[in-house]
């Protein structure tokens, strides 16, 4: 990480669902202003739960943060509503896009500005900015979201978040269900938004290879715990990460499932 002070700090949080199911176990992470941080791990590792803990969307899933703290710009935010967080500049793009299927692309985008007291001119300026980043959306702006492609819906979901003028975007599984070339396009746009607009990104992603090419720092989650973290370059070059998260084996043959279990038992960071 850089020496800049974190804009978002998660300190040792535990999350429980339905009062009994412990999902996150002492998760800590930091996101610097203007940074891109990747939260990595397999399905069920706790990535989405971590993002929902930050955006305070856990209650809809009968979950709650029972230990630890979450701070944004030095302020505890656990008690704030999701709408309050949007007003403070924190917006989550949900896994699976969740566009309003019956609305047009442009209507979906405008819905992202509902927390703003913006004039028509300001809204048009924001729309123009979104269309500049996502020219495909401008072409499809009068199409119902239900009849657009998965890539267009993902772009719409990110564009809708931009309409709120966010400082920080929590991006959940942006590559899910998309063709590789669309994934590249989406991540390049994220990179542009970060460098040109100064938007900070905390992104949860199973596609470790892609995420570590665009992020500056990464955390690896397993079974609700952070098991490794480091700069994207360090993680890309780590032999264990290469073998078990990037699919690059140092041997002639890929490890068997039994060998993977043995590896997990001997992991130095789980000892």
Protein backbone atom coordinates (compact mmCIF):
# COMPACT_ATOMS: atom_id res chain seq x y z
CA UNK A 1 0.00 0.00 0.00
CA UNK A 2 1.01 3.63 -0.38
CA UNK A 3 1.72 5.87 2.60
CA UNK A 4 -1.57 7.73 2.14
CA UNK A 5 -4.00 7.49 5.02
CA UNK A 6 -6.88 5.03 4.53
CA UNK A 7 -10.27 6.41 3.55
CA UNK A 8 -11.90 3.11 4.62
CA UNK A 9 -10.73 0.98 7.54
CA UNK A 10 -12.25 -2.33 8.61
CA UNK A 11 -10.99 -3.40 12.04
CA UNK A 12 -11.41 -7.04 13.14
CA UNK A 13 -15.07 -7.43 12.24
CA UNK A 14 -17.11 -10.53 12.87
CA UNK A 15 -20.40 -11.07 11.04
CA UNK A 16 -23.12 -13.47 12.12
CA UNK A 17 -26.19 -14.48 10.11
CA UNK A 18 -29.44 -15.54 11.76
CA UNK A 19 -27.82 -15.05 15.19
CA UNK A 20 -25.88 -18.33 14.89
CA UNK A 21 -23.84 -18.61 11.66
CA UNK A 22 -20.40 -17.02 12.00
CA UNK A 23 -19.30 -15.93 8.51
CA UNK A 24 -16.51 -13.37 9.02
CA UNK A 25 -13.89 -13.97 11.70
CA UNK A 26 -11.79 -10.95 12.54
CA UNK A 27 -11.51 -9.41 9.08
CA UNK A 28 -9.35 -6.29 8.83
CA UNK A 29 -8.48 -4.30 5.72
CA UNK A 30 -7.78 -0.77 4.53
CA UNK A 31 -8.52 1.18 1.36
CA UNK A 32 -6.53 4.31 0.64
CA UNK A 33 -8.08 7.34 -1.02
CA UNK A 34 -7.75 6.94 -4.78
CA UNK A 35 -6.76 3.29 -4.49
CA UNK A 36 -7.99 0.03 -6.00
CA UNK A 37 -8.01 -2.87 -3.52
CA UNK A 38 -9.02 -6.40 -4.49
CA UNK A 39 -10.75 -8.75 -2.08
CA UNK A 40 -9.99 -12.22 -3.43
CA UNK A 41 -11.06 -15.77 -2.71
CA UNK A 42 -13.35 -18.55 -3.84
CA UNK A 43 -17.11 -18.76 -3.66
CA UNK A 44 -18.27 -18.63 -0.05
CA UNK A 45 -15.02 -17.14 1.27
CA UNK A 46 -16.82 -14.08 2.68
CA UNK A 47 -16.10 -11.43 0.04
CA UNK A 48 -19.71 -10.35 -0.53
CA UNK A 49 -20.41 -10.36 3.20
CA UNK A 50 -17.45 -8.04 3.74
CA UNK A 51 -18.76 -5.56 1.17
CA UNK A 52 -22.26 -5.72 2.63
CA UNK A 53 -20.87 -5.11 6.09
CA UNK A 54 -19.24 -1.91 4.82
CA UNK A 55 -22.35 -0.73 2.94
CA UNK A 56 -24.71 -1.76 5.78
CA UNK A 57 -26.76 -4.07 3.57
CA UNK A 58 -26.46 -7.03 5.95
CA UNK A 59 -29.81 -6.52 7.64
CA UNK A 60 -31.65 -7.50 4.47
CA UNK A 61 -29.89 -10.88 4.72
CA UNK A 62 -30.49 -11.22 8.50
CA UNK A 63 -26.84 -10.53 9.19
CA UNK A 64 -25.08 -8.18 11.59
CA UNK A 65 -21.61 -7.03 12.58
CA UNK A 66 -21.15 -8.31 16.13
CA UNK A 67 -17.52 -7.34 16.75
CA UNK A 68 -14.99 -4.87 15.42
CA UNK A 69 -15.49 -1.51 13.74
CA UNK A 70 -15.78 0.07 10.29
CA UNK A 71 -14.61 3.62 9.70
CA UNK A 72 -14.97 5.86 6.66
CA UNK A 73 -12.90 9.04 6.71
CA UNK A 74 -12.31 8.45 10.40
CA UNK A 75 -16.03 8.15 11.26
CA UNK A 76 -17.69 4.99 12.56
CA UNK A 77 -20.35 4.05 10.01
CA UNK A 78 -21.91 0.83 11.35
CA UNK A 79 -25.05 2.65 12.49
CA UNK A 80 -25.62 4.56 9.25
CA UNK A 81 -28.24 3.52 6.72
CA UNK A 82 -27.22 2.55 3.17
CA UNK A 83 -28.79 5.81 1.96
CA UNK A 84 -26.70 7.80 4.46
CA UNK A 85 -23.59 6.09 3.15
CA UNK A 86 -24.49 6.94 -0.45
CA UNK A 87 -24.80 10.59 0.58
CA UNK A 88 -21.33 10.33 2.12
CA UNK A 89 -19.97 8.96 -1.16
CA UNK A 90 -19.98 5.17 -0.60
CA UNK A 91 -21.93 3.19 -3.21
CA UNK A 92 -22.12 -0.57 -3.72
CA UNK A 93 -22.56 -2.26 -7.10
CA UNK A 94 -24.21 -5.55 -6.27
CA UNK A 95 -23.19 -8.95 -7.53
CA UNK A 96 -25.32 -9.92 -10.53
CA UNK A 97 -25.93 -6.30 -11.67
CA UNK A 98 -29.54 -5.99 -10.36
CA UNK A 99 -30.69 -3.49 -12.97
CA UNK A 100 -34.38 -2.58 -13.01
CA UNK A 101 -35.46 -4.85 -15.84
CA UNK A 102 -38.58 -2.89 -16.85
CA UNK A 103 -36.78 0.46 -17.00
CA UNK A 104 -34.66 1.72 -19.87
CA UNK A 105 -30.91 2.04 -19.53
CA UNK A 106 -31.21 5.81 -19.09
CA UNK A 107 -33.97 5.47 -16.50
CA UNK A 108 -31.75 3.02 -14.60
CA UNK A 109 -28.91 5.53 -14.68
CA UNK A 110 -31.10 8.38 -13.47
CA UNK A 111 -32.31 6.26 -10.54
CA UNK A 112 -28.74 6.33 -9.24
CA UNK A 113 -29.05 10.07 -8.60
CA UNK A 114 -32.08 9.83 -6.30
CA UNK A 115 -30.09 10.95 -3.24
CA UNK A 116 -28.84 14.10 -4.98
CA UNK A 117 -30.57 17.48 -5.00
CA UNK A 118 -29.36 18.05 -8.54
CA UNK A 119 -30.71 20.31 -11.25
CA UNK A 120 -31.60 18.99 -14.70
CA UNK A 121 -28.39 20.50 -15.98
CA UNK A 122 -26.32 18.71 -13.34
CA UNK A 123 -28.05 15.40 -14.10
CA UNK A 124 -27.40 15.84 -17.80
CA UNK A 125 -23.75 16.57 -17.09
CA UNK A 126 -23.53 13.37 -15.04
CA UNK A 127 -25.28 11.39 -17.77
CA UNK A 128 -22.89 12.74 -20.36
CA UNK A 129 -19.96 11.67 -18.20
CA UNK A 130 -21.37 8.16 -17.86
CA UNK A 131 -21.97 7.95 -21.61
CA UNK A 132 -18.42 9.13 -22.21
CA UNK A 133 -17.09 6.20 -20.18
CA UNK A 134 -19.69 3.76 -21.51
CA UNK A 135 -20.50 4.76 -25.12
CA UNK A 136 -22.36 1.48 -25.57
CA UNK A 137 -24.91 2.65 -23.00
CA UNK A 138 -25.61 5.79 -24.98
CA UNK A 139 -26.43 3.65 -28.00
CA UNK A 140 -28.78 1.50 -25.89
CA UNK A 141 -30.13 4.26 -23.63
CA UNK A 142 -33.77 3.78 -24.75
CA UNK A 143 -33.66 -0.04 -24.52
CA UNK A 144 -35.22 -1.85 -21.58
CA UNK A 145 -32.47 -3.24 -19.37
CA UNK A 146 -34.03 -6.72 -19.58
CA UNK A 147 -33.22 -6.82 -23.28
CA UNK A 148 -29.56 -5.83 -23.01
CA UNK A 149 -26.54 -8.08 -22.67
CA UNK A 150 -24.86 -9.05 -19.41
CA UNK A 151 -21.94 -6.76 -20.20
CA UNK A 152 -24.26 -3.84 -20.90
CA UNK A 153 -26.11 -4.48 -17.64
CA UNK A 154 -22.82 -4.53 -15.72
CA UNK A 155 -21.87 -1.22 -17.34
CA UNK A 156 -25.29 0.15 -16.48
CA UNK A 157 -24.89 -0.90 -12.83
CA UNK A 158 -21.51 0.85 -12.58
CA UNK A 159 -22.85 3.89 -14.46
CA UNK A 160 -25.82 4.06 -12.10
CA UNK A 161 -23.38 4.12 -9.16
CA UNK A 162 -21.47 6.97 -10.83
CA UNK A 163 -24.66 9.02 -11.02
CA UNK A 164 -24.48 9.36 -7.22
CA UNK A 165 -21.11 11.15 -7.53
CA UNK A 166 -19.35 8.55 -5.35
CA UNK A 167 -15.91 8.83 -3.86
CA UNK A 168 -15.75 5.10 -3.12
CA UNK A 169 -17.35 2.22 -5.01
CA UNK A 170 -17.75 -1.28 -3.57
CA UNK A 171 -17.78 -3.50 -6.65
CA UNK A 172 -18.97 -7.09 -6.16
CA UNK A 173 -17.88 -9.73 -8.70
CA UNK A 174 -17.78 -7.46 -11.79
CA UNK A 175 -16.56 -10.30 -14.03
CA UNK A 176 -19.33 -12.75 -13.14
CA UNK A 177 -20.97 -14.26 -16.22
CA UNK A 178 -19.15 -12.03 -18.69
CA UNK A 179 -17.05 -12.98 -21.71
CA UNK A 180 -13.30 -12.40 -21.24
CA UNK A 181 -13.17 -9.44 -23.64
CA UNK A 182 -16.04 -7.74 -21.80
CA UNK A 183 -14.30 -8.37 -18.47
CA UNK A 184 -11.21 -6.60 -19.83
CA UNK A 185 -13.35 -3.70 -21.03
CA UNK A 186 -15.07 -3.32 -17.66
CA UNK A 187 -11.81 -3.43 -15.70
CA UNK A 188 -10.16 -0.89 -18.00
CA UNK A 189 -13.09 1.45 -17.35
CA UNK A 190 -12.66 0.91 -13.60
CA UNK A 191 -8.99 1.81 -14.02
CA UNK A 192 -9.92 4.95 -15.98
CA UNK A 193 -12.45 6.02 -13.36
CA UNK A 194 -9.82 5.54 -10.69
CA UNK A 195 -7.10 7.51 -12.48
CA UNK A 196 -9.24 10.26 -14.03
CA UNK A 197 -11.99 10.77 -11.45
CA UNK A 198 -10.08 9.69 -8.34
CA UNK A 199 -12.76 7.13 -7.41
CA UNK A 200 -11.55 4.58 -4.85
CA UNK A 201 -12.54 0.94 -5.46
CA UNK A 202 -12.88 -2.02 -3.11
CA UNK A 203 -13.70 -4.89 -5.42
CA UNK A 204 -14.58 -8.48 -4.58
CA UNK A 205 -13.51 -10.84 -7.32
CA UNK A 206 -13.00 -14.56 -7.91
CA UNK A 207 -10.98 -13.88 -11.07
CA UNK A 208 -7.71 -13.36 -9.20
CA UNK A 209 -5.62 -13.06 -12.34
CA UNK A 210 -7.60 -10.11 -13.73
CA UNK A 211 -8.08 -8.41 -10.36
CA UNK A 212 -4.37 -8.40 -9.54
CA UNK A 213 -3.54 -6.79 -12.88
CA UNK A 214 -5.70 -3.76 -12.13
CA UNK A 215 -5.58 -3.47 -8.32
CA UNK A 216 -2.69 -2.01 -6.34
CA UNK A 217 -3.23 -4.15 -3.25
CA UNK A 218 -5.03 -7.37 -2.44
CA UNK A 219 -6.44 -9.41 0.43
CA UNK A 220 -7.14 -13.13 0.15
CA UNK A 221 -10.09 -14.49 2.10
CA UNK A 222 -10.67 -18.13 3.03
CA UNK A 223 -13.46 -19.35 5.27
CA UNK A 224 -14.18 -15.85 6.54
CA UNK A 225 -10.59 -14.96 7.42
CA UNK A 226 -7.91 -12.87 5.73
CA UNK A 227 -5.14 -15.42 5.08
CA UNK A 228 -2.76 -13.24 3.07
CA UNK A 229 -2.40 -9.67 1.90
CA UNK A 230 0.15 -7.65 0.01
CA UNK A 231 0.77 -5.49 -3.03
CA UNK A 232 -0.71 -6.85 -6.25
CA UNK A 233 2.80 -7.46 -7.59
CA UNK A 234 3.85 -9.43 -4.50
CA UNK A 235 0.73 -11.57 -4.64
CA UNK A 236 1.15 -12.23 -8.37
CA UNK A 237 4.71 -13.42 -7.74
CA UNK A 238 3.95 -15.51 -4.66
CA UNK A 239 4.37 -19.21 -5.48
CA UNK A 240 1.44 -20.35 -3.31
CA UNK A 241 -0.86 -17.73 -4.82
CA UNK A 242 0.26 -18.72 -8.31
CA UNK A 243 -0.53 -22.37 -7.70
CA UNK A 244 -3.77 -22.16 -5.78
CA UNK A 245 -5.33 -18.90 -6.98
CA UNK A 246 -3.84 -18.23 -10.40
CA UNK A 247 -3.81 -21.84 -11.59
CA UNK A 248 -0.07 -21.86 -12.31
CA UNK A 249 1.57 -25.03 -11.00
CA UNK A 250 5.30 -25.22 -10.47
CA UNK A 251 5.26 -28.98 -11.07
CA UNK A 252 4.62 -31.02 -14.17
CA UNK A 253 1.13 -31.93 -13.00
CA UNK A 254 -1.55 -29.96 -11.18
CA UNK A 255 -2.10 -30.83 -7.53
CA UNK A 256 -4.76 -33.33 -6.64
CA UNK A 257 -7.59 -32.43 -4.30
CA UNK A 258 -5.91 -34.46 -1.57
CA UNK A 259 -2.70 -32.48 -2.05
CA UNK A 260 -4.68 -29.24 -1.93
CA UNK A 261 -6.16 -30.24 1.44
CA UNK A 262 -2.66 -31.09 2.70
CA UNK A 263 -1.47 -27.69 1.49
CA UNK A 264 -4.25 -25.96 3.34
CA UNK A 265 -3.32 -27.74 6.56
CA UNK A 266 0.30 -26.60 6.25
CA UNK A 267 -0.36 -23.00 5.16
CA UNK A 268 1.97 -20.83 7.16
CA UNK A 269 -0.62 -18.06 7.48
CA UNK A 270 -3.22 -20.42 8.97
CA UNK A 271 -0.81 -21.96 11.46
